[in-house]
């Protein structure tokens, strides 16, 4: 009985993935349009609330499937007390990464839209302080590999604006020094989105 259930679950999963790939394949046949947008995500590092901000550039097909590349950074950098030669110094935790991304709108009805964004990031993180001469000194530095899946829901209004919220997870692998922080954590998205590309196209009188 259990084997039959697992086989049924596998068949349903494969069917869903096939339908998703078919849908994406259909949408990418539509002419693409260029997207440029700001990105802001909240999250946690060692149970402290933080914010990542960035910029994304990519393409969108049929207002349903997006792909491109972006850059995100921890902003502002996080204050940390560090020990240097037996003394406590004021340090800063910094993170930044480049992230190819894909984004699929699996639901659109009226002003409502639900999407599944996913990005894979490659970057660096460091823990540093300023010495007596004001020079920045790294105590720890590491490469970072990140995987961030999420789901978002937004309500669009007045053509150029939308308010949305979402949640997801950030999985982080450190490839160098240990920063002494828990970087793997949930992420959340909430805020106002402005469709600058649509404003620009309308101002130029360009077609959709």
C-alpha atoms as a PDB file:
ATOM      1  CA  UNK A   1       0.000   0.000   0.000  1.00  0.00           C
ATOM      2  CA  UNK A   2       2.773   2.407   0.931  1.00  0.00           C
ATOM      3  CA  UNK A   3       4.666   1.581  -2.291  1.00  0.00           C
ATOM      4  CA  UNK A   4       1.556   2.364  -4.344  1.00  0.00           C
ATOM      5  CA  UNK A   5       1.098   5.671  -2.538  1.00  0.00           C
ATOM      6  CA  UNK A   6       4.725   6.662  -3.137  1.00  0.00           C
ATOM      7  CA  UNK A   7       4.440   5.699  -6.812  1.00  0.00           C
ATOM      8  CA  UNK A   8       1.265   7.796  -7.163  1.00  0.00           C
ATOM      9  CA  UNK A   9       2.958  10.743  -5.445  1.00  0.00           C
ATOM     10  CA  UNK A  10       5.944  10.443  -7.803  1.00  0.00           C
ATOM     11  CA  UNK A  11       3.689  10.338 -10.879  1.00  0.00           C
ATOM     12  CA  UNK A  12       1.732  13.403  -9.727  1.00  0.00           C
ATOM     13  CA  UNK A  13       4.983  15.291  -9.039  1.00  0.00           C
ATOM     14  CA  UNK A  14       6.417  14.416 -12.454  1.00  0.00           C
ATOM     15  CA  UNK A  15       3.162  15.426 -14.136  1.00  0.00           C
ATOM     16  CA  UNK A  16       3.148  18.788 -12.315  1.00  0.00           C
ATOM     17  CA  UNK A  17       6.753  19.479 -13.317  1.00  0.00           C
ATOM     18  CA  UNK A  18       5.985  18.567 -16.926  1.00  0.00           C
ATOM     19  CA  UNK A  19       2.990  20.928 -16.975  1.00  0.00           C
ATOM     20  CA  UNK A  20       5.102  23.711 -15.481  1.00  0.00           C
ATOM     21  CA  UNK A  21       7.836  23.264 -18.097  1.00  0.00           C
ATOM     22  CA  UNK A  22       5.219  23.191 -20.858  1.00  0.00           C
ATOM     23  CA  UNK A  23       3.712  26.449 -19.566  1.00  0.00           C
ATOM     24  CA  UNK A  24       7.100  28.170 -19.373  1.00  0.00           C
ATOM     25  CA  UNK A  25       7.987  26.892 -22.834  1.00  0.00           C
ATOM     26  CA  UNK A  26       4.761  28.410 -24.169  1.00  0.00           C
ATOM     27  CA  UNK A  27       5.389  31.802 -22.518  1.00  0.00           C
ATOM     28  CA  UNK A  28       9.001  32.174 -23.675  1.00  0.00           C
ATOM     29  CA  UNK A  29       7.757  32.102 -27.270  1.00  0.00           C
ATOM     30  CA  UNK A  30       6.243  35.533 -26.635  1.00  0.00           C
ATOM     31  CA  UNK A  31       8.427  38.602 -27.376  1.00  0.00           C
ATOM     32  CA  UNK A  32      10.474  39.567 -24.285  1.00  0.00           C
ATOM     33  CA  UNK A  33      10.611  42.972 -22.658  1.00  0.00           C
ATOM     34  CA  UNK A  34      13.455  44.368 -20.549  1.00  0.00           C
ATOM     35  CA  UNK A  35      12.968  44.651 -16.774  1.00  0.00           C
ATOM     36  CA  UNK A  36      14.912  46.815 -14.330  1.00  0.00           C
ATOM     37  CA  UNK A  37      13.744  46.814 -10.729  1.00  0.00           C
ATOM     38  CA  UNK A  38      14.878  47.373  -7.187  1.00  0.00           C
ATOM     39  CA  UNK A  39      14.770  44.448  -4.795  1.00  0.00           C
ATOM     40  CA  UNK A  40      14.407  44.509  -0.996  1.00  0.00           C
ATOM     41  CA  UNK A  41      14.200  41.504   1.307  1.00  0.00           C
ATOM     42  CA  UNK A  42      14.010  41.202   5.056  1.00  0.00           C
ATOM     43  CA  UNK A  43      15.509  38.318   6.937  1.00  0.00           C
ATOM     44  CA  UNK A  44      17.508  37.228   9.936  1.00  0.00           C
ATOM     45  CA  UNK A  45      21.152  36.694  10.838  1.00  0.00           C
ATOM     46  CA  UNK A  46      21.687  34.973  14.180  1.00  0.00           C
ATOM     47  CA  UNK A  47      18.050  35.814  15.099  1.00  0.00           C
ATOM     48  CA  UNK A  48      18.583  39.544  14.422  1.00  0.00           C
ATOM     49  CA  UNK A  49      16.418  41.253  11.837  1.00  0.00           C
ATOM     50  CA  UNK A  50      18.349  42.479   8.767  1.00  0.00           C
ATOM     51  CA  UNK A  51      17.578  43.827   5.293  1.00  0.00           C
ATOM     52  CA  UNK A  52      19.088  43.093   1.895  1.00  0.00           C
ATOM     53  CA  UNK A  53      18.673  45.571  -0.964  1.00  0.00           C
ATOM     54  CA  UNK A  54      19.671  45.257  -4.587  1.00  0.00           C
ATOM     55  CA  UNK A  55      18.994  45.785  -8.269  1.00  0.00           C
ATOM     56  CA  UNK A  56      17.779  43.263 -10.860  1.00  0.00           C
ATOM     57  CA  UNK A  57      18.013  43.397 -14.645  1.00  0.00           C
ATOM     58  CA  UNK A  58      16.324  40.831 -16.832  1.00  0.00           C
ATOM     59  CA  UNK A  59      13.649  39.905 -19.347  1.00  0.00           C
ATOM     60  CA  UNK A  60       9.970  39.074 -19.017  1.00  0.00           C
ATOM     61  CA  UNK A  61       7.787  37.029 -21.380  1.00  0.00           C
ATOM     62  CA  UNK A  62       3.996  37.477 -21.504  1.00  0.00           C
ATOM     63  CA  UNK A  63       4.062  39.065 -18.016  1.00  0.00           C
ATOM     64  CA  UNK A  64       4.393  35.532 -16.632  1.00  0.00           C
ATOM     65  CA  UNK A  65       8.025  34.354 -16.782  1.00  0.00           C
ATOM     66  CA  UNK A  66      11.084  36.406 -15.842  1.00  0.00           C
ATOM     67  CA  UNK A  67      14.806  35.678 -15.753  1.00  0.00           C
ATOM     68  CA  UNK A  68      17.939  37.743 -15.347  1.00  0.00           C
ATOM     69  CA  UNK A  69      20.682  38.679 -12.939  1.00  0.00           C
ATOM     70  CA  UNK A  70      20.891  40.904  -9.894  1.00  0.00           C
ATOM     71  CA  UNK A  71      23.138  42.133  -7.121  1.00  0.00           C
ATOM     72  CA  UNK A  72      22.123  42.218  -3.436  1.00  0.00           C
ATOM     73  CA  UNK A  73      23.908  43.446  -0.342  1.00  0.00           C
ATOM     74  CA  UNK A  74      23.327  43.590   3.390  1.00  0.00           C
ATOM     75  CA  UNK A  75      22.225  47.173   4.046  1.00  0.00           C
ATOM     76  CA  UNK A  76      23.117  48.674   6.342  1.00  0.00           C
ATOM     77  CA  UNK A  77      26.072  46.533   7.390  1.00  0.00           C
ATOM     78  CA  UNK A  78      25.572  44.995  10.823  1.00  0.00           C
ATOM     79  CA  UNK A  79      27.445  46.233  13.912  1.00  0.00           C
ATOM     80  CA  UNK A  80      29.300  43.522  15.821  1.00  0.00           C
ATOM     81  CA  UNK A  81      31.715  43.578  18.767  1.00  0.00           C
ATOM     82  CA  UNK A  82      34.957  41.814  17.825  1.00  0.00           C
ATOM     83  CA  UNK A  83      37.963  40.793  19.910  1.00  0.00           C
ATOM     84  CA  UNK A  84      41.351  41.972  18.602  1.00  0.00           C
ATOM     85  CA  UNK A  85      44.475  41.315  20.671  1.00  0.00           C
ATOM     86  CA  UNK A  86      42.397  40.918  23.822  1.00  0.00           C
ATOM     87  CA  UNK A  87      40.536  44.208  23.197  1.00  0.00           C
ATOM     88  CA  UNK A  88      36.905  44.669  22.223  1.00  0.00           C
ATOM     89  CA  UNK A  89      36.543  46.667  19.002  1.00  0.00           C
ATOM     90  CA  UNK A  90      33.498  47.868  17.081  1.00  0.00           C
ATOM     91  CA  UNK A  91      33.241  45.719  13.958  1.00  0.00           C
ATOM     92  CA  UNK A  92      30.949  45.428  10.943  1.00  0.00           C
ATOM     93  CA  UNK A  93      29.469  42.390   9.227  1.00  0.00           C
ATOM     94  CA  UNK A  94      29.166  42.797   5.433  1.00  0.00           C
ATOM     95  CA  UNK A  95      27.630  40.594   2.732  1.00  0.00           C
ATOM     96  CA  UNK A  96      27.119  41.015  -1.007  1.00  0.00           C
ATOM     97  CA  UNK A  97      26.373  38.635  -3.852  1.00  0.00           C
ATOM     98  CA  UNK A  98      25.511  38.356  -7.548  1.00  0.00           C
ATOM     99  CA  UNK A  99      22.380  36.284  -8.163  1.00  0.00           C
ATOM    100  CA  UNK A 100      20.944  34.865 -11.397  1.00  0.00           C
ATOM    101  CA  UNK A 101      17.181  34.497 -10.914  1.00  0.00           C
ATOM    102  CA  UNK A 102      13.952  33.148 -12.413  1.00  0.00           C
ATOM    103  CA  UNK A 103      10.418  34.246 -11.488  1.00  0.00           C
ATOM    104  CA  UNK A 104       7.188  32.541 -12.573  1.00  0.00           C
ATOM    105  CA  UNK A 105       3.644  33.901 -12.109  1.00  0.00           C
ATOM    106  CA  UNK A 106       1.529  30.781 -11.549  1.00  0.00           C
ATOM    107  CA  UNK A 107      -1.662  32.738 -10.767  1.00  0.00           C
ATOM    108  CA  UNK A 108      -3.075  35.928 -12.319  1.00  0.00           C
ATOM    109  CA  UNK A 109      -6.630  37.122 -11.884  1.00  0.00           C
ATOM    110  CA  UNK A 110      -7.737  40.738 -12.097  1.00  0.00           C
ATOM    111  CA  UNK A 111      -5.414  42.861  -9.975  1.00  0.00           C
ATOM    112  CA  UNK A 112      -4.061  39.834  -8.068  1.00  0.00           C
ATOM    113  CA  UNK A 113      -0.917  37.896  -8.871  1.00  0.00           C
ATOM    114  CA  UNK A 114       1.040  35.106  -7.162  1.00  0.00           C
ATOM    115  CA  UNK A 115       4.630  34.306  -8.158  1.00  0.00           C
ATOM    116  CA  UNK A 116       7.462  31.902  -7.339  1.00  0.00           C
ATOM    117  CA  UNK A 117      10.832  33.722  -7.474  1.00  0.00           C
ATOM    118  CA  UNK A 118      14.044  31.751  -7.047  1.00  0.00           C
ATOM    119  CA  UNK A 119      17.655  32.898  -7.126  1.00  0.00           C
ATOM    120  CA  UNK A 120      21.106  31.373  -6.665  1.00  0.00           C
ATOM    121  CA  UNK A 121      23.767  33.735  -5.345  1.00  0.00           C
ATOM    122  CA  UNK A 122      27.574  33.834  -5.375  1.00  0.00           C
ATOM    123  CA  UNK A 123      29.378  36.438  -3.302  1.00  0.00           C
ATOM    124  CA  UNK A 124      31.448  37.266  -0.248  1.00  0.00           C
ATOM    125  CA  UNK A 125      30.994  38.052   3.414  1.00  0.00           C
ATOM    126  CA  UNK A 126      33.389  39.629   5.888  1.00  0.00           C
ATOM    127  CA  UNK A 127      33.767  40.665   9.513  1.00  0.00           C
ATOM    128  CA  UNK A 128      36.023  43.704   9.910  1.00  0.00           C
ATOM    129  CA  UNK A 129      36.975  46.636  12.139  1.00  0.00           C
ATOM    130  CA  UNK A 130      38.836  49.965  11.843  1.00  0.00           C
ATOM    131  CA  UNK A 131      42.339  50.183  13.318  1.00  0.00           C
ATOM    132  CA  UNK A 132      43.854  53.237  15.016  1.00  0.00           C
ATOM    133  CA  UNK A 133      44.753  54.728  11.611  1.00  0.00           C
ATOM    134  CA  UNK A 134      41.199  54.258  10.327  1.00  0.00           C
ATOM    135  CA  UNK A 135      42.094  51.423   7.971  1.00  0.00           C
ATOM    136  CA  UNK A 136      39.659  48.566   7.589  1.00  0.00           C
ATOM    137  CA  UNK A 137      41.003  45.231   8.795  1.00  0.00           C
ATOM    138  CA  UNK A 138      39.306  41.930   8.035  1.00  0.00           C
ATOM    139  CA  UNK A 139      39.062  39.440  10.877  1.00  0.00           C
ATOM    140  CA  UNK A 140      37.227  36.850   8.782  1.00  0.00           C
ATOM    141  CA  UNK A 141      36.385  36.648   5.089  1.00  0.00           C
ATOM    142  CA  UNK A 142      34.537  33.957   3.174  1.00  0.00           C
ATOM    143  CA  UNK A 143      32.966  33.109  -0.145  1.00  0.00           C
ATOM    144  CA  UNK A 144      29.194  32.586  -0.080  1.00  0.00           C
ATOM    145  CA  UNK A 145      26.873  30.326  -2.065  1.00  0.00           C
ATOM    146  CA  UNK A 146      23.180  31.065  -1.562  1.00  0.00           C
ATOM    147  CA  UNK A 147      19.882  29.511  -2.612  1.00  0.00           C
ATOM    148  CA  UNK A 148      16.719  31.569  -2.058  1.00  0.00           C
ATOM    149  CA  UNK A 149      13.306  30.193  -3.076  1.00  0.00           C
ATOM    150  CA  UNK A 150      10.202  32.186  -2.158  1.00  0.00           C
ATOM    151  CA  UNK A 151       6.534  32.820  -2.938  1.00  0.00           C
ATOM    152  CA  UNK A 152       4.967  36.282  -3.288  1.00  0.00           C
ATOM    153  CA  UNK A 153       1.453  37.677  -3.647  1.00  0.00           C
ATOM    154  CA  UNK A 154       0.763  41.194  -4.920  1.00  0.00           C
ATOM    155  CA  UNK A 155      -2.181  43.467  -5.684  1.00  0.00           C
ATOM    156  CA  UNK A 156      -1.652  45.892  -8.554  1.00  0.00           C
ATOM    157  CA  UNK A 157      -3.375  49.293  -8.677  1.00  0.00           C
ATOM    158  CA  UNK A 158      -3.222  52.562 -10.662  1.00  0.00           C
ATOM    159  CA  UNK A 159      -1.359  50.635 -13.427  1.00  0.00           C
ATOM    160  CA  UNK A 160       2.136  51.526 -12.206  1.00  0.00           C
ATOM    161  CA  UNK A 161       1.979  50.389  -8.555  1.00  0.00           C
ATOM    162  CA  UNK A 162       1.514  47.185  -6.571  1.00  0.00           C
ATOM    163  CA  UNK A 163       1.622  46.266  -2.911  1.00  0.00           C
ATOM    164  CA  UNK A 164       2.846  42.807  -2.096  1.00  0.00           C
ATOM    165  CA  UNK A 165       4.135  40.385   0.488  1.00  0.00           C
ATOM    166  CA  UNK A 166       6.012  37.117   0.417  1.00  0.00           C
ATOM    167  CA  UNK A 167       8.057  34.632   2.325  1.00  0.00           C
ATOM    168  CA  UNK A 168      10.850  32.189   1.624  1.00  0.00           C
ATOM    169  CA  UNK A 169      14.124  30.752   2.846  1.00  0.00           C
ATOM    170  CA  UNK A 170      17.805  31.621   2.450  1.00  0.00           C
ATOM    171  CA  UNK A 171      20.244  28.695   2.490  1.00  0.00           C
ATOM    172  CA  UNK A 172      23.890  29.807   2.792  1.00  0.00           C
ATOM    173  CA  UNK A 173      27.121  27.838   2.415  1.00  0.00           C
ATOM    174  CA  UNK A 174      30.370  29.485   3.578  1.00  0.00           C
ATOM    175  CA  UNK A 175      33.483  28.459   1.643  1.00  0.00           C
ATOM    176  CA  UNK A 176      36.155  30.278   3.683  1.00  0.00           C
ATOM    177  CA  UNK A 177      36.499  31.640   7.209  1.00  0.00           C
ATOM    178  CA  UNK A 178      33.628  31.064   9.626  1.00  0.00           C
ATOM    179  CA  UNK A 179      31.907  34.413  10.234  1.00  0.00           C
ATOM    180  CA  UNK A 180      30.470  33.106  13.503  1.00  0.00           C
ATOM    181  CA  UNK A 181      26.888  33.875  12.377  1.00  0.00           C
ATOM    182  CA  UNK A 182      23.823  31.816  11.467  1.00  0.00           C
ATOM    183  CA  UNK A 183      23.246  32.985   7.905  1.00  0.00           C
ATOM    184  CA  UNK A 184      20.706  30.330   6.873  1.00  0.00           C
ATOM    185  CA  UNK A 185      17.282  31.677   7.843  1.00  0.00           C
ATOM    186  CA  UNK A 186      13.766  32.599   6.652  1.00  0.00           C
ATOM    187  CA  UNK A 187      13.307  35.672   4.445  1.00  0.00           C
ATOM    188  CA  UNK A 188      10.273  37.885   3.949  1.00  0.00           C
ATOM    189  CA  UNK A 189       9.215  40.487   1.402  1.00  0.00           C
ATOM    190  CA  UNK A 190       6.764  43.330   1.943  1.00  0.00           C
ATOM    191  CA  UNK A 191       6.389  46.718   0.347  1.00  0.00           C
ATOM    192  CA  UNK A 192       5.337  48.894  -2.556  1.00  0.00           C
ATOM    193  CA  UNK A 193       6.472  48.017  -6.066  1.00  0.00           C
ATOM    194  CA  UNK A 194       6.732  50.655  -8.810  1.00  0.00           C
ATOM    195  CA  UNK A 195       6.687  49.512 -12.452  1.00  0.00           C
ATOM    196  CA  UNK A 196       9.231  51.954 -13.858  1.00  0.00           C
ATOM    197  CA  UNK A 197       9.492  50.027 -17.123  1.00  0.00           C
ATOM    198  CA  UNK A 198       5.769  50.451 -17.811  1.00  0.00           C
ATOM    199  CA  UNK A 199       6.031  54.175 -17.029  1.00  0.00           C
ATOM    200  CA  UNK A 200       8.926  54.494 -19.485  1.00  0.00           C
ATOM    201  CA  UNK A 201       7.149  52.571 -22.244  1.00  0.00           C
ATOM    202  CA  UNK A 202       3.950  54.614 -21.850  1.00  0.00           C
ATOM    203  CA  UNK A 203       5.910  57.861 -21.871  1.00  0.00           C
ATOM    204  CA  UNK A 204       7.556  56.816 -25.156  1.00  0.00           C
ATOM    205  CA  UNK A 205       4.299  55.508 -26.587  1.00  0.00           C
ATOM    206  CA  UNK A 206       5.907  52.107 -27.130  1.00  0.00           C
ATOM    207  CA  UNK A 207       3.735  48.967 -27.505  1.00  0.00           C
ATOM    208  CA  UNK A 208       3.413  46.475 -24.629  1.00  0.00           C
END
